[in-house]
Amino acid sequence: MRDTSTVVEKEELIDRVVEAVAQGSASSTPTPPDGYAPDTASGYYYSEASGLYWDPKSGGFYDGRSGLWYRWDAASAQFVEWKP
């Protein structure tokens, strides 16, 4: 949040808070991984290449064939089974 020490009017402070909340909401919107496109039927993002769905709310990956969920482990650079 920007410095509010120079704010004199209550309306200006409210404006700054509204602005900060709007910026926070925009920056917290997850970006889908490369190669994933919206799948309107499921509400997730789908990758033809991997065959996995990605859930932006949890960050998890779902394999519709096996019914298993995975998370990406950056340390090992692989998918790890995950139980949400």
PDB file of N, CA and C in Angstrom:
ATOM      1  N   MET A   1       0.845  -1.171   0.000  1.00  0.00           N
ATOM      2  CA  MET A   1       0.000   0.000   0.000  1.00  0.00           C
ATOM      3  C   MET A   1       0.891   1.236   0.000  1.00  0.00           C
ATOM      4  N   ARG A   2       0.415   2.244  -0.662  1.00  0.00           N
ATOM      5  CA  ARG A   2       1.183   3.480  -0.720  1.00  0.00           C
ATOM      6  C   ARG A   2       1.189   4.175   0.631  1.00  0.00           C
ATOM      7  N   ASP A   3       2.114   5.089   0.787  1.00  0.00           N
ATOM      8  CA  ASP A   3       2.246   5.878   2.009  1.00  0.00           C
ATOM      9  C   ASP A   3       0.985   6.713   2.214  1.00  0.00           C
ATOM     10  N   THR A   4       0.395   6.636   3.384  1.00  0.00           N
ATOM     11  CA  THR A   4      -0.814   7.404   3.680  1.00  0.00           C
ATOM     12  C   THR A   4      -0.567   8.525   4.671  1.00  0.00           C
ATOM     13  N   SER A   5       0.694   8.817   4.965  1.00  0.00           N
ATOM     14  CA  SER A   5       1.002   9.849   5.956  1.00  0.00           C
ATOM     15  C   SER A   5       0.605  11.253   5.504  1.00  0.00           C
ATOM     16  N   THR A   6       0.433  11.459   4.219  1.00  0.00           N
ATOM     17  CA  THR A   6       0.053  12.781   3.720  1.00  0.00           C
ATOM     18  C   THR A   6      -1.450  12.915   3.510  1.00  0.00           C
ATOM     19  N   VAL A   7      -2.215  11.863   3.780  1.00  0.00           N
ATOM     20  CA  VAL A   7      -3.662  11.912   3.587  1.00  0.00           C
ATOM     21  C   VAL A   7      -4.285  12.772   4.672  1.00  0.00           C
ATOM     22  N   VAL A   8      -5.109  13.711   4.220  1.00  0.00           N
ATOM     23  CA  VAL A   8      -5.779  14.610   5.156  1.00  0.00           C
ATOM     24  C   VAL A   8      -7.273  14.309   5.210  1.00  0.00           C
ATOM     25  N   GLU A   9      -7.855  14.046   4.071  1.00  0.00           N
ATOM     26  CA  GLU A   9      -9.288  13.823   3.978  1.00  0.00           C
ATOM     27  C   GLU A   9      -9.626  12.338   4.060  1.00  0.00           C
ATOM     28  N   LYS A  10     -10.697  12.023   4.746  1.00  0.00           N
ATOM     29  CA  LYS A  10     -11.162  10.644   4.878  1.00  0.00           C
ATOM     30  C   LYS A  10     -11.458  10.044   3.509  1.00  0.00           C
ATOM     31  N   GLU A  11     -12.061  10.814   2.615  1.00  0.00           N
ATOM     32  CA  GLU A  11     -12.398  10.311   1.283  1.00  0.00           C
ATOM     33  C   GLU A  11     -11.150   9.883   0.516  1.00  0.00           C
ATOM     34  N   GLU A  12     -10.066  10.621   0.668  1.00  0.00           N
ATOM     35  CA  GLU A  12      -8.816  10.266  -0.024  1.00  0.00           C
ATOM     36  C   GLU A  12      -8.279   8.935   0.521  1.00  0.00           C
ATOM     37  N   LEU A  13      -8.369   8.743   1.824  1.00  0.00           N
ATOM     38  CA  LEU A  13      -7.917   7.485   2.425  1.00  0.00           C
ATOM     39  C   LEU A  13      -8.766   6.319   1.907  1.00  0.00           C
ATOM     40  N   ILE A  14     -10.071   6.517   1.845  1.00  0.00           N
ATOM     41  CA  ILE A  14     -10.963   5.474   1.326  1.00  0.00           C
ATOM     42  C   ILE A  14     -10.612   5.156  -0.120  1.00  0.00           C
ATOM     43  N   ASP A  15     -10.369   6.180  -0.934  1.00  0.00           N
ATOM     44  CA  ASP A  15      -9.986   5.971  -2.327  1.00  0.00           C
ATOM     45  C   ASP A  15      -8.718   5.136  -2.438  1.00  0.00           C
ATOM     46  N   ARG A  16      -7.755   5.415  -1.586  1.00  0.00           N
ATOM     47  CA  ARG A  16      -6.496   4.655  -1.626  1.00  0.00           C
ATOM     48  C   ARG A  16      -6.694   3.201  -1.214  1.00  0.00           C
ATOM     49  N   VAL A  17      -7.557   2.971  -0.233  1.00  0.00           N
ATOM     50  CA  VAL A  17      -7.835   1.602   0.197  1.00  0.00           C
ATOM     51  C   VAL A  17      -8.541   0.837  -0.920  1.00  0.00           C
ATOM     52  N   VAL A  18      -9.514   1.455  -1.547  1.00  0.00           N
ATOM     53  CA  VAL A  18     -10.233   0.818  -2.658  1.00  0.00           C
ATOM     54  C   VAL A  18      -9.258   0.486  -3.782  1.00  0.00           C
ATOM     55  N   GLU A  19      -8.364   1.418  -4.091  1.00  0.00           N
ATOM     56  CA  GLU A  19      -7.355   1.195  -5.137  1.00  0.00           C
ATOM     57  C   GLU A  19      -6.438   0.025  -4.780  1.00  0.00           C
ATOM     58  N   ALA A  20      -5.999  -0.031  -3.528  1.00  0.00           N
ATOM     59  CA  ALA A  20      -5.096  -1.107  -3.096  1.00  0.00           C
ATOM     60  C   ALA A  20      -5.786  -2.466  -3.159  1.00  0.00           C
ATOM     61  N   VAL A  21      -7.041  -2.522  -2.771  1.00  0.00           N
ATOM     62  CA  VAL A  21      -7.792  -3.777  -2.821  1.00  0.00           C
ATOM     63  C   VAL A  21      -7.951  -4.231  -4.266  1.00  0.00           C
ATOM     64  N   ALA A  22      -8.270  -3.301  -5.151  1.00  0.00           N
ATOM     65  CA  ALA A  22      -8.431  -3.644  -6.566  1.00  0.00           C
ATOM     66  C   ALA A  22      -7.128  -4.168  -7.152  1.00  0.00           C
ATOM     67  N   GLN A  23      -6.014  -3.544  -6.808  1.00  0.00           N
ATOM     68  CA  GLN A  23      -4.708  -4.001  -7.305  1.00  0.00           C
ATOM     69  C   GLN A  23      -4.375  -5.371  -6.748  1.00  0.00           C
ATOM     70  N   GLY A  24      -4.686  -5.609  -5.495  1.00  0.00           N
ATOM     71  CA  GLY A  24      -4.421  -6.902  -4.877  1.00  0.00           C
ATOM     72  C   GLY A  24      -5.240  -8.004  -5.511  1.00  0.00           C
ATOM     73  N   SER A  25      -6.495  -7.716  -5.828  1.00  0.00           N
ATOM     74  CA  SER A  25      -7.358  -8.702  -6.470  1.00  0.00           C
ATOM     75  C   SER A  25      -6.839  -9.062  -7.844  1.00  0.00           C
ATOM     76  N   ALA A  26      -6.398  -8.064  -8.591  1.00  0.00           N
ATOM     77  CA  ALA A  26      -5.901  -8.326  -9.946  1.00  0.00           C
ATOM     78  C   ALA A  26      -4.618  -9.130  -9.918  1.00  0.00           C
ATOM     79  N   SER A  27      -3.736  -8.832  -8.972  1.00  0.00           N
ATOM     80  CA  SER A  27      -2.452  -9.518  -8.939  1.00  0.00           C
ATOM     81  C   SER A  27      -2.547 -10.917  -8.340  1.00  0.00           C
ATOM     82  N   SER A  28      -3.650 -11.202  -7.617  1.00  0.00           N
ATOM     83  CA  SER A  28      -3.779 -12.518  -7.008  1.00  0.00           C
ATOM     84  C   SER A  28      -4.501 -13.518  -7.912  1.00  0.00           C
ATOM     85  N   THR A  29      -4.913 -13.067  -9.089  1.00  0.00           N
ATOM     86  CA  THR A  29      -5.546 -13.976 -10.030  1.00  0.00           C
ATOM     87  C   THR A  29      -4.497 -14.929 -10.582  1.00  0.00           C
ATOM     88  N   PRO A  30      -4.664 -16.234 -10.351  1.00  0.00           N
ATOM     89  CA  PRO A  30      -3.654 -17.183 -10.821  1.00  0.00           C
ATOM     90  C   PRO A  30      -3.566 -17.225 -12.346  1.00  0.00           C
ATOM     91  N   THR A  31      -2.370 -17.372 -12.830  1.00  0.00           N
ATOM     92  CA  THR A  31      -2.126 -17.516 -14.259  1.00  0.00           C
ATOM     93  C   THR A  31      -1.974 -18.995 -14.564  1.00  0.00           C
ATOM     94  N   PRO A  32      -2.726 -19.487 -15.549  1.00  0.00           N
ATOM     95  CA  PRO A  32      -2.604 -20.921 -15.853  1.00  0.00           C
ATOM     96  C   PRO A  32      -1.220 -21.273 -16.381  1.00  0.00           C
ATOM     97  N   PRO A  33      -0.781 -22.484 -16.139  1.00  0.00           N
ATOM     98  CA  PRO A  33       0.514 -22.925 -16.676  1.00  0.00           C
ATOM     99  C   PRO A  33       0.505 -22.862 -18.203  1.00  0.00           C
ATOM    100  N   ASP A  34       1.671 -22.771 -18.787  1.00  0.00           N
ATOM    101  CA  ASP A  34       1.795 -22.758 -20.245  1.00  0.00           C
ATOM    102  C   ASP A  34       1.136 -24.000 -20.835  1.00  0.00           C
ATOM    103  N   GLY A  35       0.385 -23.786 -21.907  1.00  0.00           N
ATOM    104  CA  GLY A  35      -0.243 -24.904 -22.599  1.00  0.00           C
ATOM    105  C   GLY A  35      -1.616 -25.276 -22.073  1.00  0.00           C
ATOM    106  N   TYR A  36      -2.100 -24.602 -21.029  1.00  0.00           N
ATOM    107  CA  TYR A  36      -3.419 -24.895 -20.467  1.00  0.00           C
ATOM    108  C   TYR A  36      -4.413 -23.845 -20.940  1.00  0.00           C
ATOM    109  N   ALA A  37      -5.569 -24.309 -21.408  1.00  0.00           N
ATOM    110  CA  ALA A  37      -6.616 -23.431 -21.915  1.00  0.00           C
ATOM    111  C   ALA A  37      -7.901 -23.691 -21.137  1.00  0.00           C
ATOM    112  N   PRO A  38      -8.769 -22.683 -21.021  1.00  0.00           N
ATOM    113  CA  PRO A  38     -10.028 -22.880 -20.294  1.00  0.00           C
ATOM    114  C   PRO A  38     -10.856 -24.010 -20.897  1.00  0.00           C
ATOM    115  N   ASP A  39     -11.411 -24.830 -20.027  1.00  0.00           N
ATOM    116  CA  ASP A  39     -12.308 -25.903 -20.431  1.00  0.00           C
ATOM    117  C   ASP A  39     -13.663 -25.582 -19.804  1.00  0.00           C
ATOM    118  N   THR A  40     -14.580 -25.071 -20.600  1.00  0.00           N
ATOM    119  CA  THR A  40     -15.863 -24.625 -20.068  1.00  0.00           C
ATOM    120  C   THR A  40     -16.696 -25.755 -19.474  1.00  0.00           C
ATOM    121  N   ALA A  41     -16.535 -26.955 -19.980  1.00  0.00           N
ATOM    122  CA  ALA A  41     -17.318 -28.090 -19.465  1.00  0.00           C
ATOM    123  C   ALA A  41     -16.951 -28.418 -18.020  1.00  0.00           C
ATOM    124  N   SER A  42     -15.664 -28.333 -17.689  1.00  0.00           N
ATOM    125  CA  SER A  42     -15.221 -28.714 -16.349  1.00  0.00           C
ATOM    126  C   SER A  42     -15.038 -27.528 -15.413  1.00  0.00           C
ATOM    127  N   GLY A  43     -14.809 -26.343 -15.982  1.00  0.00           N
ATOM    128  CA  GLY A  43     -14.509 -25.174 -15.159  1.00  0.00           C
ATOM    129  C   GLY A  43     -13.030 -25.076 -14.803  1.00  0.00           C
ATOM    130  N   TYR A  44     -12.241 -26.023 -15.279  1.00  0.00           N
ATOM    131  CA  TYR A  44     -10.799 -26.018 -15.051  1.00  0.00           C
ATOM    132  C   TYR A  44     -10.091 -25.574 -16.330  1.00  0.00           C
ATOM    133  N   TYR A  45      -8.786 -25.655 -16.329  1.00  0.00           N
ATOM    134  CA  TYR A  45      -7.987 -25.443 -17.534  1.00  0.00           C
ATOM    135  C   TYR A  45      -7.472 -26.816 -17.952  1.00  0.00           C
ATOM    136  N   TYR A  46      -7.360 -27.043 -19.258  1.00  0.00           N
ATOM    137  CA  TYR A  46      -6.960 -28.359 -19.751  1.00  0.00           C
ATOM    138  C   TYR A  46      -5.759 -28.244 -20.673  1.00  0.00           C
ATOM    139  N   SER A  47      -4.865 -29.220 -20.575  1.00  0.00           N
ATOM    140  CA  SER A  47      -3.708 -29.299 -21.455  1.00  0.00           C
ATOM    141  C   SER A  47      -3.822 -30.547 -22.311  1.00  0.00           C
ATOM    142  N   GLU A  48      -3.873 -30.340 -23.618  1.00  0.00           N
ATOM    143  CA  GLU A  48      -3.888 -31.483 -24.548  1.00  0.00           C
ATOM    144  C   GLU A  48      -2.602 -32.296 -24.407  1.00  0.00           C
ATOM    145  N   ALA A  49      -1.476 -31.603 -24.229  1.00  0.00           N
ATOM    146  CA  ALA A  49      -0.173 -32.272 -24.176  1.00  0.00           C
ATOM    147  C   ALA A  49      -0.051 -33.211 -22.974  1.00  0.00           C
ATOM    148  N   SER A  50      -0.473 -32.750 -21.803  1.00  0.00           N
ATOM    149  CA  SER A  50      -0.313 -33.575 -20.603  1.00  0.00           C
ATOM    150  C   SER A  50      -1.544 -34.425 -20.309  1.00  0.00           C
ATOM    151  N   GLY A  51      -2.701 -34.000 -20.826  1.00  0.00           N
ATOM    152  CA  GLY A  51      -3.942 -34.703 -20.516  1.00  0.00           C
ATOM    153  C   GLY A  51      -4.449 -34.390 -19.117  1.00  0.00           C
ATOM    154  N   LEU A  52      -3.900 -33.339 -18.505  1.00  0.00           N
ATOM    155  CA  LEU A  52      -4.282 -32.971 -17.139  1.00  0.00           C
ATOM    156  C   LEU A  52      -5.121 -31.701 -17.125  1.00  0.00           C
ATOM    157  N   TYR A  53      -5.961 -31.605 -16.098  1.00  0.00           N
ATOM    158  CA  TYR A  53      -6.727 -30.399 -15.825  1.00  0.00           C
ATOM    159  C   TYR A  53      -6.027 -29.641 -14.708  1.00  0.00           C
ATOM    160  N   TRP A  54      -6.096 -28.305 -14.751  1.00  0.00           N
ATOM    161  CA  TRP A  54      -5.508 -27.488 -13.693  1.00  0.00           C
ATOM    162  C   TRP A  54      -6.605 -26.671 -13.029  1.00  0.00           C
ATOM    163  N   ASP A  55      -6.656 -26.709 -11.703  1.00  0.00           N
ATOM    164  CA  ASP A  55      -7.641 -25.975 -10.919  1.00  0.00           C
ATOM    165  C   ASP A  55      -6.999 -24.703 -10.379  1.00  0.00           C
ATOM    166  N   PRO A  56      -7.437 -23.518 -10.835  1.00  0.00           N
ATOM    167  CA  PRO A  56      -6.807 -22.279 -10.371  1.00  0.00           C
ATOM    168  C   PRO A  56      -7.043 -21.986  -8.894  1.00  0.00           C
ATOM    169  N   LYS A  57      -8.098 -22.532  -8.315  1.00  0.00           N
ATOM    170  CA  LYS A  57      -8.372 -22.272  -6.897  1.00  0.00           C
ATOM    171  C   LYS A  57      -7.385 -22.992  -5.983  1.00  0.00           C
ATOM    172  N   SER A  58      -7.094 -24.244  -6.300  1.00  0.00           N
ATOM    173  CA  SER A  58      -6.199 -25.025  -5.436  1.00  0.00           C
ATOM    174  C   SER A  58      -4.778 -25.100  -5.976  1.00  0.00           C
ATOM    175  N   GLY A  59      -4.638 -24.865  -7.291  1.00  0.00           N
ATOM    176  CA  GLY A  59      -3.327 -25.025  -7.922  1.00  0.00           C
ATOM    177  C   GLY A  59      -3.017 -26.480  -8.231  1.00  0.00           C
ATOM    178  N   GLY A  60      -3.994 -27.358  -7.997  1.00  0.00           N
ATOM    179  CA  GLY A  60      -3.796 -28.780  -8.232  1.00  0.00           C
ATOM    180  C   GLY A  60      -4.060 -29.178  -9.674  1.00  0.00           C
ATOM    181  N   PHE A  61      -3.521 -30.313 -10.045  1.00  0.00           N
ATOM    182  CA  PHE A  61      -3.686 -30.884 -11.378  1.00  0.00           C
ATOM    183  C   PHE A  61      -4.472 -32.183 -11.244  1.00  0.00           C
ATOM    184  N   TYR A  62      -5.451 -32.372 -12.118  1.00  0.00           N
ATOM    185  CA  TYR A  62      -6.323 -33.541 -12.052  1.00  0.00           C
ATOM    186  C   TYR A  62      -6.165 -34.389 -13.306  1.00  0.00           C
ATOM    187  N   ASP A  63      -6.019 -35.689 -13.092  1.00  0.00           N
ATOM    188  CA  ASP A  63      -5.943 -36.632 -14.200  1.00  0.00           C
ATOM    189  C   ASP A  63      -7.295 -37.323 -14.303  1.00  0.00           C
ATOM    190  N   GLY A  64      -8.073 -36.954 -15.321  1.00  0.00           N
ATOM    191  CA  GLY A  64      -9.407 -37.516 -15.501  1.00  0.00           C
ATOM    192  C   GLY A  64      -9.417 -39.006 -15.786  1.00  0.00           C
ATOM    193  N   ARG A  65      -8.317 -39.528 -16.305  1.00  0.00           N
ATOM    194  CA  ARG A  65      -8.261 -40.969 -16.610  1.00  0.00           C
ATOM    195  C   ARG A  65      -8.129 -41.791 -15.344  1.00  0.00           C
ATOM    196  N   SER A  66      -7.275 -41.360 -14.439  1.00  0.00           N
ATOM    197  CA  SER A  66      -7.039 -42.130 -13.210  1.00  0.00           C
ATOM    198  C   SER A  66      -7.885 -41.637 -12.037  1.00  0.00           C
ATOM    199  N   GLY A  67      -8.383 -40.399 -12.146  1.00  0.00           N
ATOM    200  CA  GLY A  67      -9.144 -39.824 -11.039  1.00  0.00           C
ATOM    201  C   GLY A  67      -8.268 -39.296  -9.915  1.00  0.00           C
ATOM    202  N   LEU A  68      -6.966 -39.177 -10.159  1.00  0.00           N
ATOM    203  CA  LEU A  68      -6.032 -38.721  -9.129  1.00  0.00           C
ATOM    204  C   LEU A  68      -5.708 -37.239  -9.290  1.00  0.00           C
ATOM    205  N   TRP A  69      -5.404 -36.610  -8.170  1.00  0.00           N
ATOM    206  CA  TRP A  69      -4.950 -35.216  -8.137  1.00  0.00           C
ATOM    207  C   TRP A  69      -3.450 -35.183  -7.905  1.00  0.00           C
ATOM    208  N   TYR A  70      -2.803 -34.178  -8.473  1.00  0.00           N
ATOM    209  CA  TYR A  70      -1.356 -34.002  -8.327  1.00  0.00           C
ATOM    210  C   TYR A  70      -1.042 -32.547  -8.034  1.00  0.00           C
ATOM    211  N   ARG A  71       0.103 -32.327  -7.463  1.00  0.00           N
ATOM    212  CA  ARG A  71       0.663 -30.985  -7.323  1.00  0.00           C
ATOM    213  C   ARG A  71       2.043 -31.020  -7.947  1.00  0.00           C
ATOM    214  N   TRP A  72       2.510 -29.869  -8.391  1.00  0.00           N
ATOM    215  CA  TRP A  72       3.828 -29.784  -9.008  1.00  0.00           C
ATOM    216  C   TRP A  72       4.851 -29.529  -7.917  1.00  0.00           C
ATOM    217  N   ASP A  73       5.849 -30.400  -7.822  1.00  0.00           N
ATOM    218  CA  ASP A  73       6.934 -30.240  -6.862  1.00  0.00           C
ATOM    219  C   ASP A  73       8.142 -29.674  -7.608  1.00  0.00           C
ATOM    220  N   ALA A  74       8.392 -28.386  -7.401  1.00  0.00           N
ATOM    221  CA  ALA A  74       9.481 -27.719  -8.119  1.00  0.00           C
ATOM    222  C   ALA A  74      10.846 -28.287  -7.745  1.00  0.00           C
ATOM    223  N   ALA A  75      11.018 -28.726  -6.505  1.00  0.00           N
ATOM    224  CA  ALA A  75      12.313 -29.250  -6.058  1.00  0.00           C
ATOM    225  C   ALA A  75      12.707 -30.507  -6.830  1.00  0.00           C
ATOM    226  N   SER A  76      11.734 -31.381  -7.069  1.00  0.00           N
ATOM    227  CA  SER A  76      12.032 -32.623  -7.795  1.00  0.00           C
ATOM    228  C   SER A  76      11.657 -32.530  -9.273  1.00  0.00           C
ATOM    229  N   ALA A  77      11.033 -31.419  -9.662  1.00  0.00           N
ATOM    230  CA  ALA A  77      10.598 -31.180 -11.044  1.00  0.00           C
ATOM    231  C   ALA A  77       9.701 -32.305 -11.562  1.00  0.00           C
ATOM    232  N   GLN A  78       8.724 -32.677 -10.719  1.00  0.00           N
ATOM    233  CA  GLN A  78       7.782 -33.711 -11.150  1.00  0.00           C
ATOM    234  C   GLN A  78       6.452 -33.542 -10.420  1.00  0.00           C
ATOM    235  N   PHE A  79       5.419 -34.201 -10.967  1.00  0.00           N
ATOM    236  CA  PHE A  79       4.119 -34.213 -10.319  1.00  0.00           C
ATOM    237  C   PHE A  79       4.141 -35.218  -9.176  1.00  0.00           C
ATOM    238  N   VAL A  80       3.510 -34.843  -8.071  1.00  0.00           N
ATOM    239  CA  VAL A  80       3.430 -35.696  -6.886  1.00  0.00           C
ATOM    240  C   VAL A  80       1.945 -35.871  -6.563  1.00  0.00           C
ATOM    241  N   GLU A  81       1.549 -37.112  -6.288  1.00  0.00           N
ATOM    242  CA  GLU A  81       0.141 -37.357  -5.961  1.00  0.00           C
ATOM    243  C   GLU A  81      -0.244 -36.512  -4.749  1.00  0.00           C
ATOM    244  N   TRP A  82      -1.462 -36.001  -4.828  1.00  0.00           N
ATOM    245  CA  TRP A  82      -1.942 -35.058  -3.811  1.00  0.00           C
ATOM    246  C   TRP A  82      -3.389 -35.353  -3.492  1.00  0.00           C
ATOM    247  N   LYS A  83      -3.734 -35.302  -2.241  1.00  0.00           N
ATOM    248  CA  LYS A  83      -5.120 -35.508  -1.821  1.00  0.00           C
ATOM    249  C   LYS A  83      -5.667 -34.187  -1.279  1.00  0.00           C
ATOM    250  N   PRO A  84      -6.440 -33.489  -2.122  1.00  0.00           N
ATOM    251  CA  PRO A  84      -6.962 -32.169  -1.698  1.00  0.00           C
ATOM    252  C   PRO A  84      -7.974 -32.277  -0.569  1.00  0.00           C
TER     253      PRO A  84
END
